[in-house]
Amino acid sequence: MFTPALIGFTTGFALILAIGAQNAFVLRQGLLRRHVFWLCLFCAASDALLIAAGVIGFGVIVAQFPALPVFMAYSGAAFLFVYGALRLWAAWVGEYALTLAGTSASLGATLATAAAFTWLNPHVYLDTLGLIGAVSTDFEGVAAKTAFGIGAVTSSFVFFFSLGYGARLLAPVMQSARAWQVLDLLIGVVMWALALKLVT
């Protein structure tokens, strides 16, 4: 069962590695050192549910509702545009006294934002229900499929907790308002680029 698990791990890690909206948010919270554990757990657990659904074959349901991807794309684009605008506004205003003090939104608000990044992102469904689900069909038998799924789920936990807690290694660089301005500017641009990509 080692081979299916390894393929599941590498497949999942490769898909999640690209910096996107969710990853940028986790990185920012990791730099703030606020709600990191619960945020990483939420993101990884959400991935686990979607990966399990993909391996089981839930992707068939998506194919039966062709309007769903369009709805998710526009909903996700709207959210990314608003969040990107907030980050660009923060960079423009440049008031980072609370940020430098490590202050962030409440746990509930943080998880709600993470939920929007996760569940309103059509690419998440493409990667988990579609691609991972498709790769899982290469394995026959419940044991092999389960090992593949466990490997893919493990990659999500490793990635998010590494990103969330590894972000503090950048803490020495993020000791000035200017550094946070640059980060928020980059995040805002990434959010708008992703929003544009979703609607085109």
C-alpha atoms as a PDB file:
ATOM      1  CA  MET A   1       0.000   0.000   0.000  1.00  0.00           C
ATOM      2  CA  PHE A   2       3.054   2.269   0.114  1.00  0.00           C
ATOM      3  CA  THR A   3       3.006   3.065  -3.609  1.00  0.00           C
ATOM      4  CA  PRO A   4      -0.631   4.276  -3.773  1.00  0.00           C
ATOM      5  CA  ALA A   5      -0.076   6.344  -0.616  1.00  0.00           C
ATOM      6  CA  LEU A   6       3.084   7.920  -2.059  1.00  0.00           C
ATOM      7  CA  ILE A   7       1.370   8.725  -5.347  1.00  0.00           C
ATOM      8  CA  GLY A   8      -1.555  10.216  -3.415  1.00  0.00           C
ATOM      9  CA  PHE A   9       0.804  12.346  -1.325  1.00  0.00           C
ATOM     10  CA  THR A  10       2.818  13.663  -4.277  1.00  0.00           C
ATOM     11  CA  THR A  11      -0.313  14.292  -6.362  1.00  0.00           C
ATOM     12  CA  GLY A  12      -2.027  16.197  -3.577  1.00  0.00           C
ATOM     13  CA  PHE A  13       1.096  18.174  -2.697  1.00  0.00           C
ATOM     14  CA  ALA A  14       1.746  19.151  -6.316  1.00  0.00           C
ATOM     15  CA  LEU A  15      -1.808  20.453  -6.741  1.00  0.00           C
ATOM     16  CA  ILE A  16      -1.851  22.437  -3.512  1.00  0.00           C
ATOM     17  CA  LEU A  17       1.672  23.844  -3.805  1.00  0.00           C
ATOM     18  CA  ALA A  18       0.802  26.684  -6.170  1.00  0.00           C
ATOM     19  CA  ILE A  19       0.302  29.904  -4.238  1.00  0.00           C
ATOM     20  CA  GLY A  20      -3.350  30.859  -4.417  1.00  0.00           C
ATOM     21  CA  ALA A  21      -5.895  32.815  -2.428  1.00  0.00           C
ATOM     22  CA  GLN A  22      -6.227  30.286   0.386  1.00  0.00           C
ATOM     23  CA  ASN A  23      -2.476  29.810   0.720  1.00  0.00           C
ATOM     24  CA  ALA A  24      -1.832  33.560   0.776  1.00  0.00           C
ATOM     25  CA  PHE A  25      -4.380  33.935   3.577  1.00  0.00           C
ATOM     26  CA  VAL A  26      -2.775  31.156   5.626  1.00  0.00           C
ATOM     27  CA  LEU A  27       0.640  32.744   5.061  1.00  0.00           C
ATOM     28  CA  ARG A  28      -0.598  36.119   6.290  1.00  0.00           C
ATOM     29  CA  GLN A  29      -2.154  34.609   9.423  1.00  0.00           C
ATOM     30  CA  GLY A  30       1.026  32.655  10.018  1.00  0.00           C
ATOM     31  CA  LEU A  31       2.997  35.891   9.941  1.00  0.00           C
ATOM     32  CA  LEU A  32       0.558  37.389  12.450  1.00  0.00           C
ATOM     33  CA  ARG A  33       0.779  34.216  14.558  1.00  0.00           C
ATOM     34  CA  ARG A  34      -2.965  34.375  15.193  1.00  0.00           C
ATOM     35  CA  HIS A  35      -5.363  31.394  15.030  1.00  0.00           C
ATOM     36  CA  VAL A  36      -2.739  29.438  13.077  1.00  0.00           C
ATOM     37  CA  PHE A  37      -3.555  25.988  14.435  1.00  0.00           C
ATOM     38  CA  TRP A  38      -7.301  26.220  13.919  1.00  0.00           C
ATOM     39  CA  LEU A  39      -6.925  27.833  10.505  1.00  0.00           C
ATOM     40  CA  CYS A  40      -4.530  25.128   9.286  1.00  0.00           C
ATOM     41  CA  LEU A  41      -6.749  22.422  10.744  1.00  0.00           C
ATOM     42  CA  PHE A  42      -9.820  23.887   9.029  1.00  0.00           C
ATOM     43  CA  CYS A  43      -8.120  24.134   5.626  1.00  0.00           C
ATOM     44  CA  ALA A  44      -6.628  20.651   5.830  1.00  0.00           C
ATOM     45  CA  ALA A  45      -9.872  19.095   7.087  1.00  0.00           C
ATOM     46  CA  SER A  46     -11.828  20.791   4.270  1.00  0.00           C
ATOM     47  CA  ASP A  47      -9.376  19.358   1.764  1.00  0.00           C
ATOM     48  CA  ALA A  48      -9.728  15.946   3.412  1.00  0.00           C
ATOM     49  CA  LEU A  49     -13.507  16.000   2.929  1.00  0.00           C
ATOM     50  CA  LEU A  50     -13.210  17.019  -0.712  1.00  0.00           C
ATOM     51  CA  ILE A  51     -10.445  14.500  -1.436  1.00  0.00           C
ATOM     52  CA  ALA A  52     -12.498  11.717   0.160  1.00  0.00           C
ATOM     53  CA  ALA A  53     -15.480  12.751  -1.965  1.00  0.00           C
ATOM     54  CA  GLY A  54     -13.307  12.756  -5.085  1.00  0.00           C
ATOM     55  CA  VAL A  55     -11.890   9.296  -4.392  1.00  0.00           C
ATOM     56  CA  ILE A  56     -15.358   7.928  -3.653  1.00  0.00           C
ATOM     57  CA  GLY A  57     -16.610   9.322  -6.946  1.00  0.00           C
ATOM     58  CA  PHE A  58     -18.536  12.438  -6.005  1.00  0.00           C
ATOM     59  CA  GLY A  59     -17.187  14.146  -9.127  1.00  0.00           C
ATOM     60  CA  VAL A  60     -20.028  12.507 -11.072  1.00  0.00           C
ATOM     61  CA  ILE A  61     -22.502  14.804  -9.307  1.00  0.00           C
ATOM     62  CA  VAL A  62     -20.604  17.870 -10.508  1.00  0.00           C
ATOM     63  CA  ALA A  63     -20.883  16.586 -14.079  1.00  0.00           C
ATOM     64  CA  GLN A  64     -24.655  16.296 -13.662  1.00  0.00           C
ATOM     65  CA  PHE A  65     -24.978  19.983 -12.705  1.00  0.00           C
ATOM     66  CA  PRO A  66     -23.170  21.895 -15.476  1.00  0.00           C
ATOM     67  CA  ALA A  67     -24.312  25.273 -14.099  1.00  0.00           C
ATOM     68  CA  LEU A  68     -22.560  24.669 -10.764  1.00  0.00           C
ATOM     69  CA  PRO A  69     -19.020  25.543 -11.955  1.00  0.00           C
ATOM     70  CA  VAL A  70     -20.257  28.825 -13.443  1.00  0.00           C
ATOM     71  CA  PHE A  71     -22.086  29.764 -10.231  1.00  0.00           C
ATOM     72  CA  MET A  72     -19.030  28.911  -8.127  1.00  0.00           C
ATOM     73  CA  ALA A  73     -16.723  30.824 -10.476  1.00  0.00           C
ATOM     74  CA  TYR A  74     -18.680  34.077 -10.257  1.00  0.00           C
ATOM     75  CA  SER A  75     -19.291  33.756  -6.517  1.00  0.00           C
ATOM     76  CA  GLY A  76     -15.616  33.072  -5.929  1.00  0.00           C
ATOM     77  CA  ALA A  77     -14.541  35.923  -8.218  1.00  0.00           C
ATOM     78  CA  ALA A  78     -16.770  38.379  -6.348  1.00  0.00           C
ATOM     79  CA  PHE A  79     -15.305  37.326  -3.004  1.00  0.00           C
ATOM     80  CA  LEU A  80     -11.718  37.486  -4.288  1.00  0.00           C
ATOM     81  CA  PHE A  81     -12.318  40.944  -5.762  1.00  0.00           C
ATOM     82  CA  VAL A  82     -13.656  42.304  -2.455  1.00  0.00           C
ATOM     83  CA  TYR A  83     -10.895  40.718  -0.360  1.00  0.00           C
ATOM     84  CA  GLY A  84      -8.263  41.923  -2.838  1.00  0.00           C
ATOM     85  CA  ALA A  85      -9.690  45.449  -2.643  1.00  0.00           C
ATOM     86  CA  LEU A  86      -9.449  45.329   1.161  1.00  0.00           C
ATOM     87  CA  ARG A  87      -5.798  44.305   1.014  1.00  0.00           C
ATOM     88  CA  LEU A  88      -4.973  46.974  -1.583  1.00  0.00           C
ATOM     89  CA  TRP A  89      -6.759  49.582   0.535  1.00  0.00           C
ATOM     90  CA  ALA A  90      -4.771  48.486   3.585  1.00  0.00           C
ATOM     91  CA  ALA A  91      -1.554  48.830   1.582  1.00  0.00           C
ATOM     92  CA  TRP A  92      -2.627  52.300   0.403  1.00  0.00           C
ATOM     93  CA  VAL A  93      -3.542  53.543   3.887  1.00  0.00           C
ATOM     94  CA  GLY A  94      -0.439  51.972   5.424  1.00  0.00           C
ATOM     95  CA  GLU A  95      -1.610  51.930   9.040  1.00  0.00           C
ATOM     96  CA  TYR A  96      -0.052  48.769  10.453  1.00  0.00           C
ATOM     97  CA  ALA A  97       0.282  49.504  14.162  1.00  0.00           C
ATOM     98  CA  LEU A  98      -2.222  46.772  15.091  1.00  0.00           C
ATOM     99  CA  THR A  99      -0.729  44.367  12.565  1.00  0.00           C
ATOM    100  CA  LEU A 100       2.779  44.843  13.928  1.00  0.00           C
ATOM    101  CA  ALA A 101       1.342  44.175  17.383  1.00  0.00           C
ATOM    102  CA  GLY A 102       0.034  40.826  16.097  1.00  0.00           C
ATOM    103  CA  THR A 103      -3.642  41.790  16.121  1.00  0.00           C
ATOM    104  CA  SER A 104      -6.021  40.134  13.655  1.00  0.00           C
ATOM    105  CA  ALA A 105      -9.691  39.288  13.236  1.00  0.00           C
ATOM    106  CA  SER A 106     -11.441  36.969  15.695  1.00  0.00           C
ATOM    107  CA  LEU A 107     -11.228  33.207  15.318  1.00  0.00           C
ATOM    108  CA  GLY A 108     -14.769  33.048  13.952  1.00  0.00           C
ATOM    109  CA  ALA A 109     -14.103  35.746  11.360  1.00  0.00           C
ATOM    110  CA  THR A 110     -10.809  34.120  10.390  1.00  0.00           C
ATOM    111  CA  LEU A 111     -12.421  30.722   9.845  1.00  0.00           C
ATOM    112  CA  ALA A 112     -15.320  32.309   7.953  1.00  0.00           C
ATOM    113  CA  THR A 113     -12.849  33.943   5.576  1.00  0.00           C
ATOM    114  CA  ALA A 114     -10.987  30.647   5.194  1.00  0.00           C
ATOM    115  CA  ALA A 115     -14.300  28.921   4.433  1.00  0.00           C
ATOM    116  CA  ALA A 116     -15.001  31.400   1.644  1.00  0.00           C
ATOM    117  CA  PHE A 117     -11.499  30.938   0.199  1.00  0.00           C
ATOM    118  CA  THR A 118     -11.952  27.167   0.319  1.00  0.00           C
ATOM    119  CA  TRP A 119     -15.547  26.483  -0.645  1.00  0.00           C
ATOM    120  CA  LEU A 120     -16.051  29.320  -3.149  1.00  0.00           C
ATOM    121  CA  ASN A 121     -12.975  28.391  -5.147  1.00  0.00           C
ATOM    122  CA  PRO A 122     -13.858  26.301  -8.230  1.00  0.00           C
ATOM    123  CA  HIS A 123     -10.222  25.224  -8.573  1.00  0.00           C
ATOM    124  CA  VAL A 124     -10.488  23.402  -5.255  1.00  0.00           C
ATOM    125  CA  TYR A 125     -13.256  21.248  -6.717  1.00  0.00           C
ATOM    126  CA  LEU A 126     -11.337  20.735  -9.945  1.00  0.00           C
ATOM    127  CA  ASP A 127      -8.237  19.597  -8.037  1.00  0.00           C
ATOM    128  CA  THR A 128      -9.950  17.401  -5.444  1.00  0.00           C
ATOM    129  CA  LEU A 129     -13.142  16.091  -7.003  1.00  0.00           C
ATOM    130  CA  GLY A 130     -11.785  16.160 -10.533  1.00  0.00           C
ATOM    131  CA  LEU A 131      -8.042  15.519 -10.766  1.00  0.00           C
ATOM    132  CA  ILE A 132      -7.452  13.566  -7.562  1.00  0.00           C
ATOM    133  CA  GLY A 133     -10.675  11.666  -8.158  1.00  0.00           C
ATOM    134  CA  ALA A 134      -9.517  10.839 -11.688  1.00  0.00           C
ATOM    135  CA  VAL A 135      -6.069   9.651 -10.557  1.00  0.00           C
ATOM    136  CA  SER A 136      -7.670   7.454  -7.903  1.00  0.00           C
ATOM    137  CA  THR A 137      -9.392   5.442 -10.638  1.00  0.00           C
ATOM    138  CA  ASP A 138      -5.963   4.021 -11.538  1.00  0.00           C
ATOM    139  CA  PHE A 139      -6.100   1.941  -8.358  1.00  0.00           C
ATOM    140  CA  GLU A 140      -8.335  -1.078  -7.984  1.00  0.00           C
ATOM    141  CA  GLY A 141      -9.681  -2.309  -4.702  1.00  0.00           C
ATOM    142  CA  VAL A 142     -10.774  -0.508  -1.551  1.00  0.00           C
ATOM    143  CA  ALA A 143      -7.370  -0.873   0.165  1.00  0.00           C
ATOM    144  CA  ALA A 144      -5.415   0.748  -2.678  1.00  0.00           C
ATOM    145  CA  LYS A 145      -7.920   3.582  -3.105  1.00  0.00           C
ATOM    146  CA  THR A 146      -7.949   4.181   0.643  1.00  0.00           C
ATOM    147  CA  ALA A 147      -4.145   4.317   0.758  1.00  0.00           C
ATOM    148  CA  PHE A 148      -4.144   6.792  -2.146  1.00  0.00           C
ATOM    149  CA  GLY A 149      -6.737   8.967  -0.390  1.00  0.00           C
ATOM    150  CA  ILE A 150      -4.831   8.885   2.908  1.00  0.00           C
ATOM    151  CA  GLY A 151      -1.674   9.938   1.095  1.00  0.00           C
ATOM    152  CA  ALA A 152      -3.451  12.873  -0.567  1.00  0.00           C
ATOM    153  CA  VAL A 153      -5.074  13.956   2.706  1.00  0.00           C
ATOM    154  CA  THR A 154      -1.739  13.739   4.522  1.00  0.00           C
ATOM    155  CA  SER A 155      -0.191  16.087   1.968  1.00  0.00           C
ATOM    156  CA  SER A 156      -2.796  18.741   2.807  1.00  0.00           C
ATOM    157  CA  PHE A 157      -2.087  18.520   6.529  1.00  0.00           C
ATOM    158  CA  VAL A 158       1.678  18.656   5.945  1.00  0.00           C
ATOM    159  CA  PHE A 159       1.382  21.588   3.549  1.00  0.00           C
ATOM    160  CA  PHE A 160      -0.956  23.820   5.545  1.00  0.00           C
ATOM    161  CA  PHE A 161       0.734  23.309   8.906  1.00  0.00           C
ATOM    162  CA  SER A 162       4.147  23.836   7.310  1.00  0.00           C
ATOM    163  CA  LEU A 163       2.934  27.031   5.639  1.00  0.00           C
ATOM    164  CA  GLY A 164       1.151  28.358   8.718  1.00  0.00           C
ATOM    165  CA  TYR A 165       3.922  27.702  11.215  1.00  0.00           C
ATOM    166  CA  GLY A 166       6.783  28.108   8.730  1.00  0.00           C
ATOM    167  CA  ALA A 167       5.630  31.649   7.997  1.00  0.00           C
ATOM    168  CA  ARG A 168       7.098  32.799  11.309  1.00  0.00           C
ATOM    169  CA  LEU A 169      10.549  32.225   9.807  1.00  0.00           C
ATOM    170  CA  LEU A 170       9.820  35.374   7.799  1.00  0.00           C
ATOM    171  CA  ALA A 171       8.970  37.306  10.970  1.00  0.00           C
ATOM    172  CA  PRO A 172      12.335  39.151  11.100  1.00  0.00           C
ATOM    173  CA  VAL A 173      11.609  40.532   7.631  1.00  0.00           C
ATOM    174  CA  MET A 174       8.069  41.615   8.578  1.00  0.00           C
ATOM    175  CA  GLN A 175       8.984  44.017  11.370  1.00  0.00           C
ATOM    176  CA  SER A 176       8.129  47.177   9.464  1.00  0.00           C
ATOM    177  CA  ALA A 177       4.939  48.704   8.095  1.00  0.00           C
ATOM    178  CA  ARG A 178       6.595  48.921   4.669  1.00  0.00           C
ATOM    179  CA  ALA A 179       7.087  45.129   4.538  1.00  0.00           C
ATOM    180  CA  TRP A 180       3.400  44.570   5.353  1.00  0.00           C
ATOM    181  CA  GLN A 181       2.428  47.119   2.710  1.00  0.00           C
ATOM    182  CA  VAL A 182       4.370  45.159   0.097  1.00  0.00           C
ATOM    183  CA  LEU A 183       2.816  41.868   1.248  1.00  0.00           C
ATOM    184  CA  ASP A 184      -0.725  43.268   1.160  1.00  0.00           C
ATOM    185  CA  LEU A 185      -0.062  44.824  -2.258  1.00  0.00           C
ATOM    186  CA  LEU A 186       1.096  41.461  -3.608  1.00  0.00           C
ATOM    187  CA  ILE A 187      -1.836  39.622  -2.025  1.00  0.00           C
ATOM    188  CA  GLY A 188      -4.297  42.155  -3.433  1.00  0.00           C
ATOM    189  CA  VAL A 189      -2.868  41.814  -6.931  1.00  0.00           C
ATOM    190  CA  VAL A 190      -2.938  37.997  -6.685  1.00  0.00           C
ATOM    191  CA  MET A 191      -6.576  38.082  -5.525  1.00  0.00           C
ATOM    192  CA  TRP A 192      -7.627  40.301  -8.430  1.00  0.00           C
ATOM    193  CA  ALA A 193      -5.673  38.207 -10.925  1.00  0.00           C
ATOM    194  CA  LEU A 194      -7.384  35.050  -9.647  1.00  0.00           C
ATOM    195  CA  ALA A 195     -10.790  36.770  -9.775  1.00  0.00           C
ATOM    196  CA  LEU A 196     -10.177  37.792 -13.387  1.00  0.00           C
ATOM    197  CA  LYS A 197      -9.047  34.281 -14.235  1.00  0.00           C
ATOM    198  CA  LEU A 198     -12.224  32.800 -12.753  1.00  0.00           C
ATOM    199  CA  VAL A 199     -14.558  34.929 -14.871  1.00  0.00           C
ATOM    200  CA  THR A 200     -12.596  34.537 -18.096  1.00  0.00           C
END
